[in-house]
Amino acid sequence: MKKSLTEIAHMLGGAVLGETDPEITGVTNIEDAGPTDITFAVPPHLAKAAASAAAAVIVPPTVTEYPKPAIRVDNPRLAFTKVLELFIPPPAVKREIHPTAVIGDHVRLGHNVAVMAYSVVADNAVIGDNTILYPHTYLGSGAEVGNDSLLYANATVYAGCKLGNRVIVHSGAVIGSDGFGFVTVAGRHHKVPQVGTVIIEDDVEIGANTTIDRATTGSTLVKKGTKIDNLVHLAHNVVIGENCLLIALTGIAGSAKVGNNVTFAGQSGSAGHLTIGDNCVFAAKAGITGDVPPNSFYAGFPARPHREWLKAEAGARKVPDLAKRVQALEARIAELEKGE
């Protein structure tokens, strides 16, 4: 594909900066950009992009002079994603039910659906318009997937679980596995039947090998717009609010309630049966052990306000020196006591 810089600027709703109109054939990062590629840059990377081999750079509107041809836009990162989609569209998928796919009784299939090789769609399942099931995917009995959704190879959706529109489920993810519920009597663990379901609302993305357990009763719920990374675990009856970000190796224990716009950094985790307010951020490896008010930034284990955690960490680093000083003082006192 070839596009002039002016054509790309028009698509982005941006303004061309510079007097030339180079032809663009690709889009990539600053380091890999060649003489016909476009890239993007924001502070502090503007000088690095200017010195690169790129033909043009997408820059913020605050940039009024630049040594390379550029496009000024309000959000260079978002503009870059649009150019990526333009030059590198998703692979074409043949819209058909593959002969090796197994389709149960009373299944409802929308228009323009693809069910690829060796997929299994159990009885009474529902698949919406334009949805794609890659090879070896599984939809259990009565499971539902909305319109324009995408389930990659080996994704599993257990019986009765419901996925909304424009949901992406990556390979190896499991939605609707049993919650970890047991009653222990006389040293023996008795399984509690997990008879609830999982509801995934619109525009949610679920990473590879992530597991979302079905509720004991009721529903485990992930609300619209939330993005979940690889290797995340949501236990039974968890509620995750809208537009949250759950980064790799995050774990949320049963019945925790998470508000909207909450970010869990990598390897963070929450105890069960607690409430986390809107707009919270948890640093990597944070361990949440109690309710957290809205608009909090927590770190550490047990998690506490970030400033408090920083002070505690700074203090902890002084402990070895303090121990040496105490030992020296003890030795001095002992010498003084001998001289009495």
C-alpha atoms as a PDB file:
ATOM      1  CA  MET A   1       0.000   0.000   0.000  1.00  0.00           C
ATOM      2  CA  LYS A   2       1.124   3.527  -0.779  1.00  0.00           C
ATOM      3  CA  LYS A   3      -0.324   6.713   0.673  1.00  0.00           C
ATOM      4  CA  SER A   4       0.842  10.301   0.513  1.00  0.00           C
ATOM      5  CA  LEU A   5       1.422  12.096   3.783  1.00  0.00           C
ATOM      6  CA  THR A   6      -1.462  14.416   2.905  1.00  0.00           C
ATOM      7  CA  GLU A   7      -3.821  11.455   2.459  1.00  0.00           C
ATOM      8  CA  ILE A   8      -2.823  10.046   5.838  1.00  0.00           C
ATOM      9  CA  ALA A   9      -3.237  13.448   7.504  1.00  0.00           C
ATOM     10  CA  HIS A  10      -6.737  13.744   6.030  1.00  0.00           C
ATOM     11  CA  MET A  11      -7.657  10.303   7.394  1.00  0.00           C
ATOM     12  CA  LEU A  12      -6.371  11.283  10.854  1.00  0.00           C
ATOM     13  CA  GLY A  13      -7.928  14.730  10.858  1.00  0.00           C
ATOM     14  CA  GLY A  14      -4.456  16.172  11.351  1.00  0.00           C
ATOM     15  CA  ALA A  15      -2.388  18.942   9.775  1.00  0.00           C
ATOM     16  CA  VAL A  16       0.736  18.423   7.671  1.00  0.00           C
ATOM     17  CA  LEU A  17       3.851  20.168   8.947  1.00  0.00           C
ATOM     18  CA  GLY A  18       6.506  20.771   6.289  1.00  0.00           C
ATOM     19  CA  GLU A  19       6.578  21.608   2.599  1.00  0.00           C
ATOM     20  CA  THR A  20       7.087  18.118   1.144  1.00  0.00           C
ATOM     21  CA  ASP A  21       4.526  15.346   0.718  1.00  0.00           C
ATOM     22  CA  PRO A  22       6.442  12.043   0.895  1.00  0.00           C
ATOM     23  CA  GLU A  23       4.976   8.748  -0.180  1.00  0.00           C
ATOM     24  CA  ILE A  24       4.460   6.364   2.728  1.00  0.00           C
ATOM     25  CA  THR A  25       4.536   2.588   2.305  1.00  0.00           C
ATOM     26  CA  GLY A  26       4.797   1.384   5.894  1.00  0.00           C
ATOM     27  CA  VAL A  27       4.430   2.193   9.572  1.00  0.00           C
ATOM     28  CA  THR A  28       6.669   1.123  12.450  1.00  0.00           C
ATOM     29  CA  ASN A  29       8.556   2.257  15.560  1.00  0.00           C
ATOM     30  CA  ILE A  30      11.274   4.895  15.609  1.00  0.00           C
ATOM     31  CA  GLU A  31      14.179   2.436  15.723  1.00  0.00           C
ATOM     32  CA  ASP A  32      13.004   0.323  12.768  1.00  0.00           C
ATOM     33  CA  ALA A  33      11.614   3.082  10.557  1.00  0.00           C
ATOM     34  CA  GLY A  34      13.004   3.294   7.023  1.00  0.00           C
ATOM     35  CA  PRO A  35      12.942   6.032   4.388  1.00  0.00           C
ATOM     36  CA  THR A  36       9.341   5.286   3.315  1.00  0.00           C
ATOM     37  CA  ASP A  37       7.908   4.595   6.787  1.00  0.00           C
ATOM     38  CA  ILE A  38       5.909   6.783   9.121  1.00  0.00           C
ATOM     39  CA  THR A  39       6.325   6.628  12.897  1.00  0.00           C
ATOM     40  CA  PHE A  40       5.128   8.672  15.867  1.00  0.00           C
ATOM     41  CA  ALA A  41       6.810  10.541  18.687  1.00  0.00           C
ATOM     42  CA  VAL A  42       5.876  12.389  21.859  1.00  0.00           C
ATOM     43  CA  PRO A  43       8.187  14.063  24.386  1.00  0.00           C
ATOM     44  CA  PRO A  44      10.894  13.094  25.234  1.00  0.00           C
ATOM     45  CA  HIS A  45      11.317  11.145  21.970  1.00  0.00           C
ATOM     46  CA  LEU A  46      10.822  13.927  19.414  1.00  0.00           C
ATOM     47  CA  ALA A  47      14.547  14.468  18.801  1.00  0.00           C
ATOM     48  CA  LYS A  48      15.138  10.728  18.460  1.00  0.00           C
ATOM     49  CA  ALA A  49      12.404  10.483  15.809  1.00  0.00           C
ATOM     50  CA  ALA A  50      13.780  13.524  14.013  1.00  0.00           C
ATOM     51  CA  ALA A  51      17.174  11.812  13.776  1.00  0.00           C
ATOM     52  CA  SER A  52      15.692   8.522  12.555  1.00  0.00           C
ATOM     53  CA  ALA A  53      15.440   7.302   8.973  1.00  0.00           C
ATOM     54  CA  ALA A  54      11.638   7.688   8.967  1.00  0.00           C
ATOM     55  CA  ALA A  55      10.032   9.557   6.088  1.00  0.00           C
ATOM     56  CA  ALA A  56       7.567  11.297   8.404  1.00  0.00           C
ATOM     57  CA  VAL A  57       6.538  11.500  12.049  1.00  0.00           C
ATOM     58  CA  ILE A  58       3.186  11.894  13.780  1.00  0.00           C
ATOM     59  CA  VAL A  59       3.665  14.549  16.480  1.00  0.00           C
ATOM     60  CA  PRO A  60       1.607  16.430  19.102  1.00  0.00           C
ATOM     61  CA  PRO A  61      -0.063  19.749  18.213  1.00  0.00           C
ATOM     62  CA  THR A  62       2.430  21.616  20.417  1.00  0.00           C
ATOM     63  CA  VAL A  63       5.106  20.965  17.776  1.00  0.00           C
ATOM     64  CA  THR A  64       5.169  23.904  15.361  1.00  0.00           C
ATOM     65  CA  GLU A  65       8.577  23.333  13.744  1.00  0.00           C
ATOM     66  CA  TYR A  66      10.167  20.002  12.927  1.00  0.00           C
ATOM     67  CA  PRO A  67      13.122  18.905  10.782  1.00  0.00           C
ATOM     68  CA  LYS A  68      11.098  16.125   9.120  1.00  0.00           C
ATOM     69  CA  PRO A  69       7.725  16.097   7.391  1.00  0.00           C
ATOM     70  CA  ALA A  70       5.151  15.552  10.121  1.00  0.00           C
ATOM     71  CA  ILE A  71       1.467  15.303  10.913  1.00  0.00           C
ATOM     72  CA  ARG A  72       0.217  17.233  13.926  1.00  0.00           C
ATOM     73  CA  VAL A  73      -2.628  15.502  15.781  1.00  0.00           C
ATOM     74  CA  ASP A  74      -4.176  15.754  19.239  1.00  0.00           C
ATOM     75  CA  ASN A  75      -3.208  12.213  20.229  1.00  0.00           C
ATOM     76  CA  PRO A  76      -0.199  10.769  18.353  1.00  0.00           C
ATOM     77  CA  ARG A  77      -0.500   7.344  20.015  1.00  0.00           C
ATOM     78  CA  LEU A  78      -4.118   6.938  18.928  1.00  0.00           C
ATOM     79  CA  ALA A  79      -3.298   8.229  15.449  1.00  0.00           C
ATOM     80  CA  PHE A  80      -0.478   5.681  15.198  1.00  0.00           C
ATOM     81  CA  THR A  81      -2.917   2.837  15.912  1.00  0.00           C
ATOM     82  CA  LYS A  82      -5.178   4.060  13.109  1.00  0.00           C
ATOM     83  CA  VAL A  83      -2.279   4.120  10.654  1.00  0.00           C
ATOM     84  CA  LEU A  84      -1.283   0.608  11.757  1.00  0.00           C
ATOM     85  CA  GLU A  85      -4.813  -0.570  11.004  1.00  0.00           C
ATOM     86  CA  LEU A  86      -4.667   1.129   7.604  1.00  0.00           C
ATOM     87  CA  PHE A  87      -1.369  -0.396   6.482  1.00  0.00           C
ATOM     88  CA  ILE A  88      -1.589  -3.746   8.307  1.00  0.00           C
ATOM     89  CA  PRO A  89      -5.234  -4.854   8.312  1.00  0.00           C
ATOM     90  CA  PRO A  90      -6.200  -8.103  10.070  1.00  0.00           C
ATOM     91  CA  PRO A  91      -5.890 -11.269   7.985  1.00  0.00           C
ATOM     92  CA  ALA A  92      -8.861 -12.147   5.822  1.00  0.00           C
ATOM     93  CA  VAL A  93     -11.021 -14.953   7.194  1.00  0.00           C
ATOM     94  CA  LYS A  94     -13.243 -17.135   5.088  1.00  0.00           C
ATOM     95  CA  ARG A  95     -16.770 -16.801   6.432  1.00  0.00           C
ATOM     96  CA  GLU A  96     -17.990 -20.356   6.629  1.00  0.00           C
ATOM     97  CA  ILE A  97     -18.649 -23.252   8.955  1.00  0.00           C
ATOM     98  CA  HIS A  98     -15.673 -25.539   8.409  1.00  0.00           C
ATOM     99  CA  PRO A  99     -16.584 -29.155   7.608  1.00  0.00           C
ATOM    100  CA  THR A 100     -14.672 -30.404  10.650  1.00  0.00           C
ATOM    101  CA  ALA A 101     -16.462 -28.056  13.064  1.00  0.00           C
ATOM    102  CA  VAL A 102     -19.083 -29.667  15.311  1.00  0.00           C
ATOM    103  CA  ILE A 103     -22.309 -27.697  15.633  1.00  0.00           C
ATOM    104  CA  GLY A 104     -24.893 -28.862  18.184  1.00  0.00           C
ATOM    105  CA  ASP A 105     -28.665 -28.756  18.073  1.00  0.00           C
ATOM    106  CA  HIS A 106     -30.642 -25.522  18.135  1.00  0.00           C
ATOM    107  CA  VAL A 107     -27.542 -23.364  17.682  1.00  0.00           C
ATOM    108  CA  ARG A 108     -28.233 -19.821  16.441  1.00  0.00           C
ATOM    109  CA  LEU A 109     -25.651 -18.440  14.036  1.00  0.00           C
ATOM    110  CA  GLY A 110     -25.602 -14.799  12.965  1.00  0.00           C
ATOM    111  CA  HIS A 111     -24.700 -13.434   9.549  1.00  0.00           C
ATOM    112  CA  ASN A 112     -21.154 -13.537   8.191  1.00  0.00           C
ATOM    113  CA  VAL A 113     -19.906 -15.910  10.901  1.00  0.00           C
ATOM    114  CA  ALA A 114     -16.730 -18.014  10.707  1.00  0.00           C
ATOM    115  CA  VAL A 115     -16.401 -21.232  12.693  1.00  0.00           C
ATOM    116  CA  MET A 116     -13.020 -22.713  11.825  1.00  0.00           C
ATOM    117  CA  ALA A 117     -11.629 -26.230  11.849  1.00  0.00           C
ATOM    118  CA  TYR A 118     -12.317 -28.528  14.809  1.00  0.00           C
ATOM    119  CA  SER A 119     -14.268 -25.965  16.773  1.00  0.00           C
ATOM    120  CA  VAL A 120     -17.148 -27.238  18.892  1.00  0.00           C
ATOM    121  CA  VAL A 121     -20.356 -25.278  19.421  1.00  0.00           C
ATOM    122  CA  ALA A 122     -22.644 -27.109  21.838  1.00  0.00           C
ATOM    123  CA  ASP A 123     -26.439 -27.221  21.894  1.00  0.00           C
ATOM    124  CA  ASN A 124     -28.394 -23.972  22.220  1.00  0.00           C
ATOM    125  CA  ALA A 125     -25.329 -21.764  21.871  1.00  0.00           C
ATOM    126  CA  VAL A 126     -25.672 -18.377  20.176  1.00  0.00           C
ATOM    127  CA  ILE A 127     -23.098 -16.668  17.921  1.00  0.00           C
ATOM    128  CA  GLY A 128     -23.711 -13.099  16.760  1.00  0.00           C
ATOM    129  CA  ASP A 129     -23.101 -11.437  13.406  1.00  0.00           C
ATOM    130  CA  ASN A 130     -19.532 -11.168  12.066  1.00  0.00           C
ATOM    131  CA  THR A 131     -18.068 -13.202  14.913  1.00  0.00           C
ATOM    132  CA  ILE A 132     -15.037 -15.448  14.300  1.00  0.00           C
ATOM    133  CA  LEU A 133     -14.170 -18.667  16.109  1.00  0.00           C
ATOM    134  CA  TYR A 134     -10.639 -19.796  15.334  1.00  0.00           C
ATOM    135  CA  PRO A 135      -9.702 -23.522  15.269  1.00  0.00           C
ATOM    136  CA  HIS A 136     -10.282 -25.661  18.363  1.00  0.00           C
ATOM    137  CA  THR A 137     -12.441 -23.116  20.142  1.00  0.00           C
ATOM    138  CA  TYR A 138     -15.236 -24.402  22.372  1.00  0.00           C
ATOM    139  CA  LEU A 139     -18.611 -22.882  23.223  1.00  0.00           C
ATOM    140  CA  GLY A 140     -20.527 -24.813  25.850  1.00  0.00           C
ATOM    141  CA  SER A 141     -24.231 -25.471  25.968  1.00  0.00           C
ATOM    142  CA  GLY A 142     -26.239 -22.264  26.018  1.00  0.00           C
ATOM    143  CA  ALA A 143     -23.169 -20.045  25.807  1.00  0.00           C
ATOM    144  CA  GLU A 144     -23.598 -16.768  23.948  1.00  0.00           C
ATOM    145  CA  VAL A 145     -21.167 -14.591  21.997  1.00  0.00           C
ATOM    146  CA  GLY A 146     -22.306 -11.242  20.593  1.00  0.00           C
ATOM    147  CA  ASN A 147     -21.596  -9.465  17.339  1.00  0.00           C
ATOM    148  CA  ASP A 148     -18.144  -8.675  15.911  1.00  0.00           C
ATOM    149  CA  SER A 149     -16.350 -10.783  18.503  1.00  0.00           C
ATOM    150  CA  LEU A 150     -13.194 -12.819  18.070  1.00  0.00           C
ATOM    151  CA  LEU A 151     -12.214 -16.038  19.836  1.00  0.00           C
ATOM    152  CA  TYR A 152      -8.697 -17.196  19.025  1.00  0.00           C
ATOM    153  CA  ALA A 153      -7.543 -20.805  18.832  1.00  0.00           C
ATOM    154  CA  ASN A 154      -8.182 -22.984  21.890  1.00  0.00           C
ATOM    155  CA  ALA A 155     -10.287 -20.405  23.700  1.00  0.00           C
ATOM    156  CA  THR A 156     -12.913 -22.065  25.909  1.00  0.00           C
ATOM    157  CA  VAL A 157     -16.277 -20.666  26.966  1.00  0.00           C
ATOM    158  CA  TYR A 158     -18.138 -22.955  29.356  1.00  0.00           C
ATOM    159  CA  ALA A 159     -21.867 -23.582  29.363  1.00  0.00           C
ATOM    160  CA  GLY A 160     -24.171 -20.671  30.045  1.00  0.00           C
ATOM    161  CA  CYS A 161     -21.529 -17.935  29.890  1.00  0.00           C
ATOM    162  CA  LYS A 162     -22.338 -14.764  27.968  1.00  0.00           C
ATOM    163  CA  LEU A 163     -19.958 -12.569  25.970  1.00  0.00           C
ATOM    164  CA  GLY A 164     -21.018  -9.224  24.553  1.00  0.00           C
ATOM    165  CA  ASN A 165     -20.222  -7.432  21.323  1.00  0.00           C
ATOM    166  CA  ARG A 166     -16.681  -6.771  20.094  1.00  0.00           C
ATOM    167  CA  VAL A 167     -15.167  -9.066  22.707  1.00  0.00           C
ATOM    168  CA  ILE A 168     -11.699 -10.512  22.018  1.00  0.00           C
ATOM    169  CA  VAL A 169     -10.631 -13.734  23.730  1.00  0.00           C
ATOM    170  CA  HIS A 170      -7.051 -14.831  23.145  1.00  0.00           C
ATOM    171  CA  SER A 171      -5.699 -18.359  22.884  1.00  0.00           C
ATOM    172  CA  GLY A 172      -5.895 -20.605  25.912  1.00  0.00           C
ATOM    173  CA  ALA A 173      -8.241 -18.361  27.888  1.00  0.00           C
ATOM    174  CA  VAL A 174     -10.932 -20.165  29.881  1.00  0.00           C
ATOM    175  CA  ILE A 175     -14.183 -18.459  30.743  1.00  0.00           C
ATOM    176  CA  GLY A 176     -16.539 -20.192  33.151  1.00  0.00           C
ATOM    177  CA  SER A 177     -14.326 -22.764  34.856  1.00  0.00           C
ATOM    178  CA  ASP A 178     -15.503 -23.731  38.339  1.00  0.00           C
ATOM    179  CA  GLY A 179     -14.872 -21.324  41.167  1.00  0.00           C
ATOM    180  CA  PHE A 180     -12.607 -22.653  43.908  1.00  0.00           C
ATOM    181  CA  GLY A 181     -15.258 -23.463  46.490  1.00  0.00           C
ATOM    182  CA  PHE A 182     -14.927 -26.175  49.140  1.00  0.00           C
ATOM    183  CA  VAL A 183     -16.255 -26.912  52.598  1.00  0.00           C
ATOM    184  CA  THR A 184     -13.745 -28.700  54.838  1.00  0.00           C
ATOM    185  CA  VAL A 185     -15.140 -31.188  57.353  1.00  0.00           C
ATOM    186  CA  ALA A 186     -12.902 -33.446  59.450  1.00  0.00           C
ATOM    187  CA  GLY A 187      -9.972 -32.757  57.122  1.00  0.00           C
ATOM    188  CA  ARG A 188     -11.871 -33.625  53.962  1.00  0.00           C
ATOM    189  CA  HIS A 189     -12.683 -31.001  51.309  1.00  0.00           C
ATOM    190  CA  HIS A 190     -16.243 -31.167  49.941  1.00  0.00           C
ATOM    191  CA  LYS A 191     -16.832 -29.397  46.627  1.00  0.00           C
ATOM    192  CA  VAL A 192     -19.435 -26.635  46.563  1.00  0.00           C
ATOM    193  CA  PRO A 193     -21.294 -26.787  43.226  1.00  0.00           C
ATOM    194  CA  GLN A 194     -20.538 -23.735  41.110  1.00  0.00           C
ATOM    195  CA  VAL A 195     -23.891 -23.166  39.407  1.00  0.00           C
ATOM    196  CA  GLY A 196     -23.560 -19.500  38.446  1.00  0.00           C
ATOM    197  CA  THR A 197     -22.211 -18.038  35.229  1.00  0.00           C
ATOM    198  CA  VAL A 198     -19.845 -15.432  33.754  1.00  0.00           C
ATOM    199  CA  ILE A 199     -20.963 -12.279  31.963  1.00  0.00           C
ATOM    200  CA  ILE A 200     -18.470 -10.384  29.804  1.00  0.00           C
ATOM    201  CA  GLU A 201     -19.838  -7.056  28.583  1.00  0.00           C
ATOM    202  CA  ASP A 202     -19.068  -5.221  25.318  1.00  0.00           C
ATOM    203  CA  ASP A 203     -15.561  -4.222  24.192  1.00  0.00           C
ATOM    204  CA  VAL A 204     -13.697  -6.390  26.688  1.00  0.00           C
ATOM    205  CA  GLU A 205     -10.397  -8.039  25.717  1.00  0.00           C
ATOM    206  CA  ILE A 206      -9.177 -11.142  27.548  1.00  0.00           C
ATOM    207  CA  GLY A 207      -5.533 -12.185  27.277  1.00  0.00           C
ATOM    208  CA  ALA A 208      -3.996 -15.571  26.572  1.00  0.00           C
ATOM    209  CA  ASN A 209      -4.239 -18.198  29.327  1.00  0.00           C
ATOM    210  CA  THR A 210      -6.395 -15.978  31.496  1.00  0.00           C
ATOM    211  CA  THR A 211      -9.051 -17.727  33.585  1.00  0.00           C
ATOM    212  CA  ILE A 212     -12.357 -16.275  34.717  1.00  0.00           C
ATOM    213  CA  ASP A 213     -14.261 -18.541  37.105  1.00  0.00           C
ATOM    214  CA  ARG A 214     -18.007 -18.938  37.040  1.00  0.00           C
ATOM    215  CA  ALA A 215     -19.925 -17.757  40.101  1.00  0.00           C
ATOM    216  CA  THR A 216     -21.055 -20.068  42.864  1.00  0.00           C
ATOM    217  CA  THR A 217     -24.494 -18.541  42.315  1.00  0.00           C
ATOM    218  CA  GLY A 218     -25.275 -15.428  40.301  1.00  0.00           C
ATOM    219  CA  SER A 219     -22.588 -14.111  37.973  1.00  0.00           C
ATOM    220  CA  THR A 220     -18.926 -13.248  37.772  1.00  0.00           C
ATOM    221  CA  LEU A 221     -19.028  -9.955  35.868  1.00  0.00           C
ATOM    222  CA  VAL A 222     -16.542  -8.006  33.735  1.00  0.00           C
ATOM    223  CA  LYS A 223     -18.047  -4.712  32.653  1.00  0.00           C
ATOM    224  CA  LYS A 224     -17.661  -2.970  29.308  1.00  0.00           C
ATOM    225  CA  GLY A 225     -14.365  -1.647  28.033  1.00  0.00           C
ATOM    226  CA  THR A 226     -12.132  -3.507  30.468  1.00  0.00           C
ATOM    227  CA  LYS A 227      -8.864  -4.930  29.110  1.00  0.00           C
ATOM    228  CA  ILE A 228      -7.317  -8.011  30.711  1.00  0.00           C
ATOM    229  CA  ASP A 229      -3.750  -9.095  30.022  1.00  0.00           C
ATOM    230  CA  ASN A 230      -2.351 -12.632  29.793  1.00  0.00           C
ATOM    231  CA  LEU A 231      -2.208 -14.954  32.814  1.00  0.00           C
ATOM    232  CA  VAL A 232      -4.788 -13.128  34.908  1.00  0.00           C
ATOM    233  CA  HIS A 233      -7.163 -14.940  37.275  1.00  0.00           C
ATOM    234  CA  LEU A 234     -10.604 -13.712  38.330  1.00  0.00           C
ATOM    235  CA  ALA A 235     -12.221 -15.899  40.966  1.00  0.00           C
ATOM    236  CA  HIS A 236     -15.903 -16.666  41.445  1.00  0.00           C
ATOM    237  CA  ASN A 237     -18.386 -13.802  41.907  1.00  0.00           C
ATOM    238  CA  VAL A 238     -15.788 -11.114  41.231  1.00  0.00           C
ATOM    239  CA  VAL A 239     -17.126  -7.893  39.715  1.00  0.00           C
ATOM    240  CA  ILE A 240     -14.742  -5.800  37.602  1.00  0.00           C
ATOM    241  CA  GLY A 241     -15.969  -2.332  36.640  1.00  0.00           C
ATOM    242  CA  GLU A 242     -15.853  -0.485  33.342  1.00  0.00           C
ATOM    243  CA  ASN A 243     -12.625   0.427  31.538  1.00  0.00           C
ATOM    244  CA  CYS A 244     -10.287  -1.269  33.989  1.00  0.00           C
ATOM    245  CA  LEU A 245      -6.785  -2.498  33.139  1.00  0.00           C
ATOM    246  CA  LEU A 246      -5.591  -5.797  34.631  1.00  0.00           C
ATOM    247  CA  ILE A 247      -1.949  -6.472  33.792  1.00  0.00           C
ATOM    248  CA  ALA A 248      -0.264  -9.876  33.609  1.00  0.00           C
ATOM    249  CA  LEU A 249      -0.306 -12.191  36.638  1.00  0.00           C
ATOM    250  CA  THR A 250      -2.936 -10.179  38.484  1.00  0.00           C
ATOM    251  CA  GLY A 251      -5.215 -12.240  40.706  1.00  0.00           C
ATOM    252  CA  ILE A 252      -8.545 -11.152  42.195  1.00  0.00           C
ATOM    253  CA  ALA A 253     -10.005 -13.384  44.892  1.00  0.00           C
ATOM    254  CA  GLY A 254     -13.643 -14.346  45.199  1.00  0.00           C
ATOM    255  CA  SER A 255     -16.452 -11.806  45.597  1.00  0.00           C
ATOM    256  CA  ALA A 256     -14.167  -8.771  45.374  1.00  0.00           C
ATOM    257  CA  LYS A 257     -15.922  -5.744  43.879  1.00  0.00           C
ATOM    258  CA  VAL A 258     -13.783  -3.432  41.725  1.00  0.00           C
ATOM    259  CA  GLY A 259     -14.961  -0.010  40.545  1.00  0.00           C
ATOM    260  CA  ASN A 260     -14.526   1.699  37.194  1.00  0.00           C
ATOM    261  CA  ASN A 261     -11.205   2.814  35.667  1.00  0.00           C
ATOM    262  CA  VAL A 262      -9.063   0.801  38.070  1.00  0.00           C
ATOM    263  CA  THR A 263      -5.547  -0.318  37.097  1.00  0.00           C
ATOM    264  CA  PHE A 264      -3.821  -3.379  38.548  1.00  0.00           C
ATOM    265  CA  ALA A 265      -0.157  -3.478  37.551  1.00  0.00           C
ATOM    266  CA  GLY A 266       1.684  -6.760  37.028  1.00  0.00           C
ATOM    267  CA  GLN A 267       1.585  -9.392  39.776  1.00  0.00           C
ATOM    268  CA  SER A 268      -0.784  -7.355  41.912  1.00  0.00           C
ATOM    269  CA  GLY A 269      -3.594  -9.082  43.732  1.00  0.00           C
ATOM    270  CA  SER A 270      -6.637  -8.582  45.885  1.00  0.00           C
ATOM    271  CA  ALA A 271      -8.084 -10.539  48.771  1.00  0.00           C
ATOM    272  CA  GLY A 272     -11.704 -11.591  48.503  1.00  0.00           C
ATOM    273  CA  HIS A 273     -14.917  -9.986  49.730  1.00  0.00           C
ATOM    274  CA  LEU A 274     -13.622  -6.423  49.637  1.00  0.00           C
ATOM    275  CA  THR A 275     -14.533  -3.273  47.727  1.00  0.00           C
ATOM    276  CA  ILE A 276     -12.209  -1.141  45.601  1.00  0.00           C
ATOM    277  CA  GLY A 277     -13.408   2.307  44.542  1.00  0.00           C
ATOM    278  CA  ASP A 278     -13.268   3.978  41.142  1.00  0.00           C
ATOM    279  CA  ASN A 279     -10.065   5.341  39.594  1.00  0.00           C
ATOM    280  CA  CYS A 280      -7.631   3.437  41.794  1.00  0.00           C
ATOM    281  CA  VAL A 281      -4.129   2.419  40.710  1.00  0.00           C
ATOM    282  CA  PHE A 282      -2.143  -0.439  42.255  1.00  0.00           C
ATOM    283  CA  ALA A 283       1.586  -0.676  41.631  1.00  0.00           C
ATOM    284  CA  ALA A 284       3.264  -3.920  40.590  1.00  0.00           C
ATOM    285  CA  LYS A 285       3.137  -6.679  43.239  1.00  0.00           C
ATOM    286  CA  ALA A 286       0.706  -4.708  45.409  1.00  0.00           C
ATOM    287  CA  GLY A 287      -1.266  -6.935  47.768  1.00  0.00           C
ATOM    288  CA  ILE A 288      -4.692  -5.487  48.594  1.00  0.00           C
ATOM    289  CA  THR A 289      -5.977  -6.789  51.905  1.00  0.00           C
ATOM    290  CA  GLY A 290      -8.800  -4.371  52.720  1.00  0.00           C
ATOM    291  CA  ASP A 291     -11.289  -1.982  51.181  1.00  0.00           C
ATOM    292  CA  VAL A 292      -9.736   0.860  49.167  1.00  0.00           C
ATOM    293  CA  PRO A 293     -11.402   4.268  48.725  1.00  0.00           C
ATOM    294  CA  PRO A 294     -11.835   5.823  45.274  1.00  0.00           C
ATOM    295  CA  ASN A 295      -8.952   7.692  43.592  1.00  0.00           C
ATOM    296  CA  SER A 296      -6.254   5.893  45.574  1.00  0.00           C
ATOM    297  CA  PHE A 297      -2.713   5.032  44.468  1.00  0.00           C
ATOM    298  CA  TYR A 298      -1.476   2.056  46.498  1.00  0.00           C
ATOM    299  CA  ALA A 299       1.714  -0.006  46.566  1.00  0.00           C
ATOM    300  CA  GLY A 300       3.405  -2.690  48.624  1.00  0.00           C
ATOM    301  CA  PHE A 301       2.251  -5.638  50.694  1.00  0.00           C
ATOM    302  CA  PRO A 302       0.015  -5.114  52.440  1.00  0.00           C
ATOM    303  CA  ALA A 303      -0.943  -2.367  50.004  1.00  0.00           C
ATOM    304  CA  ARG A 304      -1.008   1.163  51.415  1.00  0.00           C
ATOM    305  CA  PRO A 305      -0.943   4.688  49.971  1.00  0.00           C
ATOM    306  CA  HIS A 306       1.999   5.076  47.616  1.00  0.00           C
ATOM    307  CA  ARG A 307       3.644   7.974  49.481  1.00  0.00           C
ATOM    308  CA  GLU A 308       3.421   6.032  52.728  1.00  0.00           C
ATOM    309  CA  TRP A 309       4.950   3.004  51.025  1.00  0.00           C
ATOM    310  CA  LEU A 310       7.817   5.096  49.636  1.00  0.00           C
ATOM    311  CA  LYS A 311       8.613   6.449  53.107  1.00  0.00           C
ATOM    312  CA  ALA A 312       8.530   2.942  54.581  1.00  0.00           C
ATOM    313  CA  GLU A 313      10.844   1.631  51.841  1.00  0.00           C
ATOM    314  CA  ALA A 314      13.244   4.512  52.370  1.00  0.00           C
ATOM    315  CA  GLY A 315      13.249   3.805  56.089  1.00  0.00           C
ATOM    316  CA  ALA A 316      13.809   0.100  55.556  1.00  0.00           C
ATOM    317  CA  ARG A 317      16.974   0.812  53.578  1.00  0.00           C
ATOM    318  CA  LYS A 318      18.422   2.615  56.584  1.00  0.00           C
ATOM    319  CA  VAL A 319      17.929  -0.343  58.919  1.00  0.00           C
ATOM    320  CA  PRO A 320      21.345  -2.001  58.275  1.00  0.00           C
ATOM    321  CA  ASP A 321      23.183   1.260  59.066  1.00  0.00           C
ATOM    322  CA  LEU A 322      21.037   1.800  62.152  1.00  0.00           C
ATOM    323  CA  ALA A 323      21.809  -1.758  63.304  1.00  0.00           C
ATOM    324  CA  LYS A 324      25.550  -1.066  62.981  1.00  0.00           C
ATOM    325  CA  ARG A 325      25.203   2.167  64.945  1.00  0.00           C
ATOM    326  CA  VAL A 326      23.265   0.377  67.688  1.00  0.00           C
ATOM    327  CA  GLN A 327      25.929  -2.325  67.886  1.00  0.00           C
ATOM    328  CA  ALA A 328      28.645   0.327  68.129  1.00  0.00           C
ATOM    329  CA  LEU A 329      26.738   2.141  70.869  1.00  0.00           C
ATOM    330  CA  GLU A 330      26.194  -1.090  72.794  1.00  0.00           C
ATOM    331  CA  ALA A 331      29.914  -1.853  72.586  1.00  0.00           C
ATOM    332  CA  ARG A 332      30.744   1.663  73.809  1.00  0.00           C
ATOM    333  CA  ILE A 333      28.309   1.345  76.718  1.00  0.00           C
ATOM    334  CA  ALA A 334      29.835  -2.000  77.650  1.00  0.00           C
ATOM    335  CA  GLU A 335      33.316  -0.401  77.721  1.00  0.00           C
ATOM    336  CA  LEU A 336      32.078   2.465  79.861  1.00  0.00           C
ATOM    337  CA  GLU A 337      30.434   0.065  82.278  1.00  0.00           C
ATOM    338  CA  LYS A 338      33.707  -1.892  82.645  1.00  0.00           C
ATOM    339  CA  GLY A 339      35.527   1.277  83.570  1.00  0.00           C
ATOM    340  CA  GLU A 340      33.236   2.109  86.458  1.00  0.00           C
END
